[in-house]
Each structure stands twice: as structure tokens, then as C-alpha cells.
Amino acid sequence: MNPLEELHDLKENPLPATIILNPLTRILEIDGEVGLLMEQARELEREKKELMEYAIENNIEEDEKGCIKKDTRKARTFDILRFRTLFPEEYDAACAFLKRDLEREIKKIGMKFNITLIDKLIKPIELEAAGVVTVTESYSYRVIRKI
């Protein structure tokens, strides 16, 4: 058959779709492999932490291929009472800003609720029956080993 005839034949008689045998079994095998890899990663992270502690405790800052770079983080603490005493005008201005922001939030009260709060006040089934709450379902799938 020449290439043109083969092309026409493939249009009329396409090749069958790929058939995957036992896809669920393969998913379980992959889950097992992923679990092993995650365990190996946890073990490597533990070893890495031990090695870093060892290097720091023994003042090893450099070796054949690596050196330690020390990153510094600063944490600031704020003494409000001292700030208020030393900078009374700025303290009052900061309080005014906070008050304005809280007043904006107060104006929004009643526009949005956490549904778990409402569930504490009224049973979820009553909310659904009244048409106040719409329930939608979504599905996810996972493979479990047959017993």
C-alpha cells in the first residue's frame, strides 16, 4: 500500500485508542512509590539538619565544595506605653487611623457572615429548607486497595 492509500485507510479505519491494563493497580503502585520517595525526602531533610547543626557547633564554615552563608533576620518589638509617652501626637494619629479603619469595618457588618457562625444559630437543614443556603456537591476520586 502506498502512503496515500495508507492515509485514506487510516481515516476510514483509525487505529484503536491506547488500552491501559489495570490503571487502578498502577495508581496504587505509584502511590506506594510516592510514599517511599516522600519518606526518603524526610530522611534526607533530617540528615541535612543534623549536618548543619554539626557544622555550626564545630565552627566549620567551609569545606571542599560548600560554605555557610549566614542570613540574619531582625525582629522588632514595640513598646506602646513608651511610644505614647515620647510621641503623644503620633500616638493619637495612629489611634485615629485605627479608629477610622474599624468604623469602615463596622459599616460592613451584616454584609458577609461566616456560615459556621450561622450554623450555630440555626440548624443547617432549616437554612436549606428556607432556601437561604444552597448546597453544591463536588466529587474527587481516589483509589483504595481491594480487600
N, C-alpha and C. Protein backbone atom coordinates (compact mmCIF):
# COMPACT_ATOMS: atom_id res chain seq x y z
N MET A 1 0.86 -1.17 0.00
CA MET A 1 0.00 0.00 0.00
C MET A 1 0.91 1.24 0.00
N ASN A 2 0.59 2.19 -0.85
CA ASN A 2 1.41 3.40 -0.90
C ASN A 2 0.97 4.35 0.23
N PRO A 3 1.77 5.36 0.54
CA PRO A 3 1.47 6.25 1.66
C PRO A 3 0.11 6.93 1.54
N LEU A 4 -0.29 7.30 0.34
CA LEU A 4 -1.58 7.98 0.16
C LEU A 4 -2.74 7.03 0.46
N GLU A 5 -2.63 5.79 -0.01
CA GLU A 5 -3.66 4.79 0.28
C GLU A 5 -3.72 4.50 1.78
N GLU A 6 -2.55 4.44 2.40
CA GLU A 6 -2.49 4.18 3.84
C GLU A 6 -3.16 5.31 4.62
N LEU A 7 -2.96 6.54 4.20
CA LEU A 7 -3.58 7.69 4.85
C LEU A 7 -5.10 7.61 4.75
N HIS A 8 -5.61 7.29 3.56
CA HIS A 8 -7.06 7.15 3.39
C HIS A 8 -7.59 5.99 4.23
N ASP A 9 -6.84 4.90 4.28
CA ASP A 9 -7.26 3.74 5.06
C ASP A 9 -7.32 4.08 6.55
N LEU A 10 -6.33 4.87 7.03
CA LEU A 10 -6.33 5.26 8.45
C LEU A 10 -7.52 6.16 8.79
N LYS A 11 -7.94 6.97 7.81
CA LYS A 11 -9.11 7.83 8.06
C LYS A 11 -10.37 6.98 8.20
N GLU A 12 -10.46 5.95 7.38
CA GLU A 12 -11.64 5.08 7.42
C GLU A 12 -11.56 4.07 8.57
N ASN A 13 -10.36 3.63 8.87
CA ASN A 13 -10.15 2.62 9.90
C ASN A 13 -9.08 3.10 10.88
N PRO A 14 -9.41 4.02 11.77
CA PRO A 14 -8.39 4.55 12.69
C PRO A 14 -7.85 3.46 13.61
N LEU A 15 -6.63 3.70 14.05
CA LEU A 15 -6.02 2.76 15.00
C LEU A 15 -6.79 2.81 16.31
N PRO A 16 -6.86 1.69 17.03
CA PRO A 16 -7.61 1.70 18.31
C PRO A 16 -6.92 2.60 19.33
N ALA A 17 -7.74 3.17 20.20
CA ALA A 17 -7.20 4.01 21.28
C ALA A 17 -6.31 3.15 22.17
N THR A 18 -5.38 3.80 22.83
CA THR A 18 -4.48 3.08 23.73
C THR A 18 -5.29 2.45 24.85
N ILE A 19 -5.01 1.20 25.10
CA ILE A 19 -5.70 0.49 26.17
C ILE A 19 -4.71 0.35 27.33
N ILE A 20 -5.12 0.78 28.47
CA ILE A 20 -4.28 0.69 29.66
C ILE A 20 -4.84 -0.43 30.51
N LEU A 21 -4.03 -1.42 30.76
CA LEU A 21 -4.46 -2.54 31.59
C LEU A 21 -4.25 -2.20 33.06
N ASN A 22 -5.23 -2.47 33.86
CA ASN A 22 -5.17 -2.29 35.31
C ASN A 22 -4.70 -0.88 35.74
N PRO A 23 -5.39 0.16 35.29
CA PRO A 23 -4.95 1.51 35.67
C PRO A 23 -5.03 1.77 37.17
N LEU A 24 -6.00 1.17 37.84
CA LEU A 24 -6.15 1.40 39.28
C LEU A 24 -5.01 0.75 40.05
N THR A 25 -4.61 -0.43 39.60
CA THR A 25 -3.47 -1.10 40.23
C THR A 25 -2.22 -0.24 40.06
N ARG A 26 -2.05 0.33 38.87
CA ARG A 26 -0.88 1.19 38.63
C ARG A 26 -0.92 2.42 39.52
N ILE A 27 -2.12 2.98 39.74
CA ILE A 27 -2.24 4.13 40.65
C ILE A 27 -1.78 3.75 42.04
N LEU A 28 -2.19 2.56 42.51
CA LEU A 28 -1.76 2.11 43.84
C LEU A 28 -0.24 1.93 43.88
N GLU A 29 0.33 1.40 42.83
CA GLU A 29 1.79 1.24 42.77
C GLU A 29 2.47 2.60 42.83
N ILE A 30 1.95 3.56 42.07
CA ILE A 30 2.52 4.92 42.08
C ILE A 30 2.39 5.54 43.46
N ASP A 31 1.24 5.36 44.11
CA ASP A 31 1.07 5.88 45.48
C ASP A 31 2.15 5.31 46.40
N GLY A 32 2.43 4.02 46.25
CA GLY A 32 3.47 3.40 47.07
C GLY A 32 4.84 3.98 46.78
N GLU A 33 5.14 4.18 45.50
CA GLU A 33 6.44 4.77 45.13
C GLU A 33 6.56 6.20 45.66
N VAL A 34 5.47 6.98 45.54
CA VAL A 34 5.48 8.35 46.04
C VAL A 34 5.70 8.35 47.54
N GLY A 35 5.05 7.44 48.24
CA GLY A 35 5.23 7.34 49.70
C GLY A 35 6.68 7.05 50.06
N LEU A 36 7.31 6.13 49.32
CA LEU A 36 8.72 5.83 49.57
C LEU A 36 9.60 7.04 49.30
N LEU A 37 9.34 7.74 48.21
CA LEU A 37 10.13 8.93 47.88
C LEU A 37 9.96 10.02 48.93
N MET A 38 8.72 10.18 49.42
CA MET A 38 8.49 11.18 50.47
C MET A 38 9.23 10.81 51.74
N GLU A 39 9.25 9.53 52.08
CA GLU A 39 9.98 9.07 53.26
C GLU A 39 11.48 9.33 53.08
N GLN A 40 12.00 9.06 51.88
CA GLN A 40 13.41 9.34 51.61
C GLN A 40 13.69 10.83 51.72
N ALA A 41 12.79 11.65 51.23
CA ALA A 41 12.97 13.10 51.32
C ALA A 41 12.98 13.56 52.78
N ARG A 42 12.08 13.01 53.59
CA ARG A 42 12.07 13.36 55.02
C ARG A 42 13.38 12.95 55.69
N GLU A 43 13.88 11.76 55.34
CA GLU A 43 15.14 11.28 55.92
C GLU A 43 16.30 12.17 55.49
N LEU A 44 16.32 12.58 54.23
CA LEU A 44 17.38 13.46 53.75
C LEU A 44 17.31 14.83 54.44
N GLU A 45 16.10 15.36 54.64
CA GLU A 45 15.95 16.63 55.34
C GLU A 45 16.45 16.52 56.79
N ARG A 46 16.14 15.38 57.44
CA ARG A 46 16.62 15.17 58.81
C ARG A 46 18.14 15.13 58.83
N GLU A 47 18.74 14.40 57.89
CA GLU A 47 20.20 14.31 57.81
C GLU A 47 20.81 15.68 57.53
N LYS A 48 20.20 16.44 56.65
CA LYS A 48 20.68 17.78 56.32
C LYS A 48 20.69 18.67 57.57
N LYS A 49 19.62 18.59 58.36
CA LYS A 49 19.53 19.38 59.59
C LYS A 49 20.63 18.98 60.57
N GLU A 50 20.85 17.68 60.72
CA GLU A 50 21.92 17.20 61.62
C GLU A 50 23.29 17.70 61.16
N LEU A 51 23.54 17.63 59.85
CA LEU A 51 24.82 18.07 59.31
C LEU A 51 25.03 19.57 59.54
N MET A 52 23.98 20.36 59.36
CA MET A 52 24.09 21.81 59.59
C MET A 52 24.37 22.09 61.06
N GLU A 53 23.67 21.40 61.95
CA GLU A 53 23.92 21.59 63.39
C GLU A 53 25.35 21.21 63.73
N TYR A 54 25.84 20.11 63.17
CA TYR A 54 27.22 19.67 63.40
C TYR A 54 28.21 20.73 62.93
N ALA A 55 28.00 21.24 61.71
CA ALA A 55 28.92 22.24 61.16
C ALA A 55 28.93 23.50 62.01
N ILE A 56 27.76 23.94 62.46
CA ILE A 56 27.69 25.16 63.27
C ILE A 56 28.35 24.93 64.63
N GLU A 57 28.05 23.80 65.28
CA GLU A 57 28.62 23.50 66.60
C GLU A 57 30.14 23.39 66.54
N ASN A 58 30.67 22.92 65.42
CA ASN A 58 32.10 22.71 65.29
C ASN A 58 32.81 23.81 64.49
N ASN A 59 32.13 24.93 64.31
CA ASN A 59 32.68 26.09 63.61
C ASN A 59 33.26 25.75 62.24
N ILE A 60 32.59 24.88 61.53
CA ILE A 60 33.01 24.55 60.17
C ILE A 60 32.26 25.48 59.23
N GLU A 61 32.97 26.47 58.72
CA GLU A 61 32.33 27.46 57.87
C GLU A 61 32.51 27.16 56.39
N GLU A 62 33.47 26.25 56.09
CA GLU A 62 33.77 25.97 54.69
C GLU A 62 34.39 24.59 54.59
N ASP A 63 34.10 23.88 53.49
CA ASP A 63 34.78 22.63 53.21
C ASP A 63 35.07 22.55 51.72
N GLU A 64 35.29 21.36 51.22
CA GLU A 64 35.71 21.19 49.83
C GLU A 64 34.78 21.85 48.82
N LYS A 65 33.47 21.71 48.99
CA LYS A 65 32.54 22.21 47.98
C LYS A 65 31.54 23.24 48.49
N GLY A 66 31.51 23.47 49.77
CA GLY A 66 30.48 24.36 50.29
C GLY A 66 30.97 25.30 51.35
N CYS A 67 30.18 26.33 51.57
CA CYS A 67 30.46 27.25 52.68
C CYS A 67 29.12 27.70 53.25
N ILE A 68 29.14 28.10 54.49
CA ILE A 68 27.93 28.54 55.16
C ILE A 68 27.73 30.02 54.90
N LYS A 69 26.53 30.37 54.49
CA LYS A 69 26.15 31.77 54.37
C LYS A 69 25.15 32.03 55.48
N LYS A 70 25.47 32.97 56.32
CA LYS A 70 24.61 33.27 57.46
C LYS A 70 23.65 34.40 57.08
N ASP A 71 22.36 34.09 57.13
CA ASP A 71 21.33 35.09 56.89
C ASP A 71 20.82 35.58 58.24
N THR A 72 20.65 36.87 58.36
CA THR A 72 20.19 37.46 59.61
C THR A 72 18.78 38.00 59.43
N ARG A 73 17.93 37.65 60.37
CA ARG A 73 16.58 38.19 60.41
C ARG A 73 16.47 39.05 61.66
N LYS A 74 15.82 40.16 61.51
CA LYS A 74 15.62 41.02 62.67
C LYS A 74 14.15 41.04 63.03
N ALA A 75 13.89 40.96 64.30
CA ALA A 75 12.53 41.06 64.79
C ALA A 75 12.43 42.34 65.61
N ARG A 76 11.40 43.10 65.37
CA ARG A 76 11.24 44.35 66.12
C ARG A 76 10.10 44.20 67.12
N THR A 77 10.33 44.71 68.31
CA THR A 77 9.26 44.75 69.30
C THR A 77 8.93 46.21 69.56
N PHE A 78 7.71 46.44 69.91
CA PHE A 78 7.23 47.81 70.03
C PHE A 78 6.67 48.05 71.42
N ASP A 79 7.20 49.02 72.11
CA ASP A 79 6.75 49.39 73.45
C ASP A 79 5.73 50.51 73.31
N ILE A 80 4.45 50.15 73.34
CA ILE A 80 3.39 51.12 73.10
C ILE A 80 3.34 52.20 74.18
N LEU A 81 3.51 51.78 75.43
CA LEU A 81 3.44 52.78 76.52
C LEU A 81 4.55 53.82 76.38
N ARG A 82 5.75 53.39 76.07
CA ARG A 82 6.87 54.32 75.88
C ARG A 82 6.63 55.21 74.66
N PHE A 83 6.11 54.60 73.59
CA PHE A 83 5.80 55.36 72.37
C PHE A 83 4.78 56.46 72.69
N ARG A 84 3.74 56.07 73.44
CA ARG A 84 2.70 57.05 73.79
C ARG A 84 3.27 58.20 74.62
N THR A 85 4.19 57.87 75.52
CA THR A 85 4.80 58.89 76.37
C THR A 85 5.71 59.83 75.56
N LEU A 86 6.53 59.27 74.68
CA LEU A 86 7.51 60.07 73.95
C LEU A 86 6.92 60.77 72.72
N PHE A 87 5.89 60.17 72.11
CA PHE A 87 5.33 60.72 70.87
C PHE A 87 3.80 60.80 70.98
N PRO A 88 3.29 61.66 71.87
CA PRO A 88 1.84 61.69 72.09
C PRO A 88 1.02 62.06 70.85
N GLU A 89 1.49 62.99 70.04
CA GLU A 89 0.74 63.39 68.84
C GLU A 89 0.67 62.25 67.83
N GLU A 90 1.81 61.58 67.62
CA GLU A 90 1.85 60.47 66.67
C GLU A 90 1.01 59.30 67.18
N TYR A 91 1.01 59.10 68.49
CA TYR A 91 0.18 58.06 69.09
C TYR A 91 -1.29 58.35 68.81
N ASP A 92 -1.71 59.59 69.03
CA ASP A 92 -3.10 59.97 68.76
C ASP A 92 -3.44 59.80 67.28
N ALA A 93 -2.51 60.14 66.38
CA ALA A 93 -2.75 59.99 64.95
C ALA A 93 -2.91 58.50 64.59
N ALA A 94 -2.06 57.67 65.18
CA ALA A 94 -2.16 56.23 64.91
C ALA A 94 -3.50 55.69 65.41
N CYS A 95 -3.93 56.13 66.58
CA CYS A 95 -5.22 55.70 67.11
C CYS A 95 -6.36 56.16 66.19
N ALA A 96 -6.25 57.37 65.65
CA ALA A 96 -7.28 57.88 64.75
C ALA A 96 -7.35 57.03 63.48
N PHE A 97 -6.19 56.63 62.94
CA PHE A 97 -6.18 55.75 61.77
C PHE A 97 -6.88 54.43 62.07
N LEU A 98 -6.53 53.84 63.20
CA LEU A 98 -7.13 52.56 63.57
C LEU A 98 -8.64 52.70 63.77
N LYS A 99 -9.04 53.79 64.41
CA LYS A 99 -10.47 54.02 64.65
C LYS A 99 -11.21 54.15 63.32
N ARG A 100 -10.63 54.88 62.37
CA ARG A 100 -11.26 55.06 61.05
C ARG A 100 -11.42 53.70 60.35
N ASP A 101 -10.36 52.86 60.41
CA ASP A 101 -10.43 51.54 59.78
C ASP A 101 -11.51 50.67 60.43
N LEU A 102 -11.60 50.72 61.75
CA LEU A 102 -12.62 49.93 62.45
C LEU A 102 -14.03 50.43 62.14
N GLU A 103 -14.19 51.74 62.01
CA GLU A 103 -15.51 52.28 61.65
C GLU A 103 -15.92 51.81 60.26
N ARG A 104 -14.98 51.72 59.33
CA ARG A 104 -15.28 51.18 58.00
C ARG A 104 -15.73 49.73 58.09
N GLU A 105 -15.05 48.96 58.93
CA GLU A 105 -15.42 47.56 59.10
C GLU A 105 -16.80 47.44 59.75
N ILE A 106 -17.09 48.32 60.69
CA ILE A 106 -18.40 48.29 61.36
C ILE A 106 -19.51 48.54 60.36
N LYS A 107 -19.28 49.43 59.39
CA LYS A 107 -20.28 49.70 58.37
C LYS A 107 -20.56 48.47 57.51
N LYS A 108 -19.61 47.55 57.42
CA LYS A 108 -19.76 46.35 56.60
C LYS A 108 -20.46 45.21 57.35
N ILE A 109 -20.69 45.39 58.64
CA ILE A 109 -21.33 44.33 59.42
C ILE A 109 -22.69 44.01 58.82
N GLY A 110 -22.94 42.72 58.66
CA GLY A 110 -24.20 42.27 58.09
C GLY A 110 -24.13 42.02 56.60
N MET A 111 -23.04 42.38 55.96
CA MET A 111 -22.89 42.17 54.52
C MET A 111 -22.29 40.80 54.22
N LYS A 112 -21.61 40.24 55.19
CA LYS A 112 -20.95 38.95 54.99
C LYS A 112 -20.90 38.23 56.33
N PHE A 113 -21.19 36.92 56.30
CA PHE A 113 -21.15 36.12 57.51
C PHE A 113 -20.35 34.84 57.28
N ASN A 114 -19.75 34.36 58.33
CA ASN A 114 -19.13 33.04 58.30
C ASN A 114 -20.26 32.03 58.49
N ILE A 115 -20.39 31.12 57.54
CA ILE A 115 -21.54 30.20 57.58
C ILE A 115 -21.51 29.30 58.82
N THR A 116 -20.33 29.02 59.38
CA THR A 116 -20.29 28.19 60.59
C THR A 116 -20.91 28.93 61.78
N LEU A 117 -20.79 30.25 61.80
CA LEU A 117 -21.45 31.03 62.85
C LEU A 117 -22.97 30.91 62.73
N ILE A 118 -23.47 31.02 61.51
CA ILE A 118 -24.91 30.91 61.29
C ILE A 118 -25.40 29.51 61.63
N ASP A 119 -24.59 28.49 61.31
CA ASP A 119 -24.95 27.10 61.64
C ASP A 119 -25.10 26.91 63.15
N LYS A 120 -24.38 27.69 63.95
CA LYS A 120 -24.52 27.60 65.41
C LYS A 120 -25.85 28.19 65.87
N LEU A 121 -26.38 29.14 65.10
CA LEU A 121 -27.62 29.81 65.47
C LEU A 121 -28.86 29.08 64.95
N ILE A 122 -28.76 28.54 63.73
CA ILE A 122 -29.88 27.86 63.10
C ILE A 122 -29.35 26.57 62.49
N LYS A 123 -30.12 25.51 62.63
CA LYS A 123 -29.68 24.22 62.09
C LYS A 123 -29.52 24.30 60.58
N PRO A 124 -28.44 23.72 60.04
CA PRO A 124 -28.20 23.77 58.58
C PRO A 124 -29.38 23.28 57.75
N ILE A 125 -30.09 22.27 58.23
CA ILE A 125 -31.22 21.73 57.47
C ILE A 125 -32.35 22.76 57.35
N GLU A 126 -32.52 23.58 58.39
CA GLU A 126 -33.54 24.64 58.35
C GLU A 126 -33.13 25.72 57.36
N LEU A 127 -31.86 26.04 57.32
CA LEU A 127 -31.37 27.05 56.37
C LEU A 127 -31.58 26.58 54.93
N GLU A 128 -31.32 25.30 54.69
CA GLU A 128 -31.52 24.75 53.34
C GLU A 128 -33.00 24.77 52.98
N ALA A 129 -33.85 24.34 53.91
CA ALA A 129 -35.29 24.29 53.65
C ALA A 129 -35.85 25.67 53.36
N ALA A 130 -35.30 26.68 54.00
CA ALA A 130 -35.78 28.05 53.80
C ALA A 130 -35.22 28.66 52.52
N GLY A 131 -34.31 27.97 51.88
CA GLY A 131 -33.71 28.49 50.64
C GLY A 131 -32.65 29.54 50.88
N VAL A 132 -32.16 29.60 52.11
CA VAL A 132 -31.14 30.59 52.47
C VAL A 132 -29.75 30.10 52.08
N VAL A 133 -29.58 28.80 52.11
CA VAL A 133 -28.29 28.20 51.79
C VAL A 133 -28.46 27.25 50.61
N THR A 134 -27.55 27.32 49.69
CA THR A 134 -27.54 26.40 48.56
C THR A 134 -26.38 25.44 48.76
N VAL A 135 -26.66 24.17 48.64
CA VAL A 135 -25.63 23.16 48.81
C VAL A 135 -25.24 22.63 47.44
N THR A 136 -23.98 22.67 47.13
CA THR A 136 -23.49 22.08 45.88
C THR A 136 -22.53 20.96 46.25
N GLU A 137 -22.55 19.92 45.43
CA GLU A 137 -21.67 18.80 45.67
C GLU A 137 -20.55 18.80 44.65
N SER A 138 -19.39 18.41 45.10
CA SER A 138 -18.28 18.20 44.17
C SER A 138 -17.69 16.83 44.48
N TYR A 139 -17.06 16.26 43.53
CA TYR A 139 -16.53 14.92 43.70
C TYR A 139 -15.04 14.91 43.45
N SER A 140 -14.37 14.08 44.18
CA SER A 140 -12.97 13.79 43.92
C SER A 140 -12.83 12.28 44.00
N TYR A 141 -11.85 11.78 43.37
CA TYR A 141 -11.69 10.34 43.31
C TYR A 141 -10.34 9.94 43.87
N ARG A 142 -10.29 8.77 44.46
CA ARG A 142 -9.04 8.18 44.90
C ARG A 142 -9.18 6.68 44.78
N VAL A 143 -8.07 6.03 44.71
CA VAL A 143 -8.08 4.57 44.56
C VAL A 143 -7.66 3.98 45.89
N ILE A 144 -8.40 2.98 46.34
CA ILE A 144 -8.04 2.26 47.56
C ILE A 144 -7.80 0.81 47.21
N ARG A 145 -6.99 0.15 48.01
CA ARG A 145 -6.65 -1.24 47.77
C ARG A 145 -7.85 -2.13 48.11
N LYS A 146 -8.14 -3.08 47.23
CA LYS A 146 -9.23 -4.01 47.49
C LYS A 146 -8.82 -4.97 48.61
N ILE A 147 -9.80 -5.36 49.39
CA ILE A 147 -9.53 -6.29 50.48
C ILE A 147 -9.87 -7.69 50.05
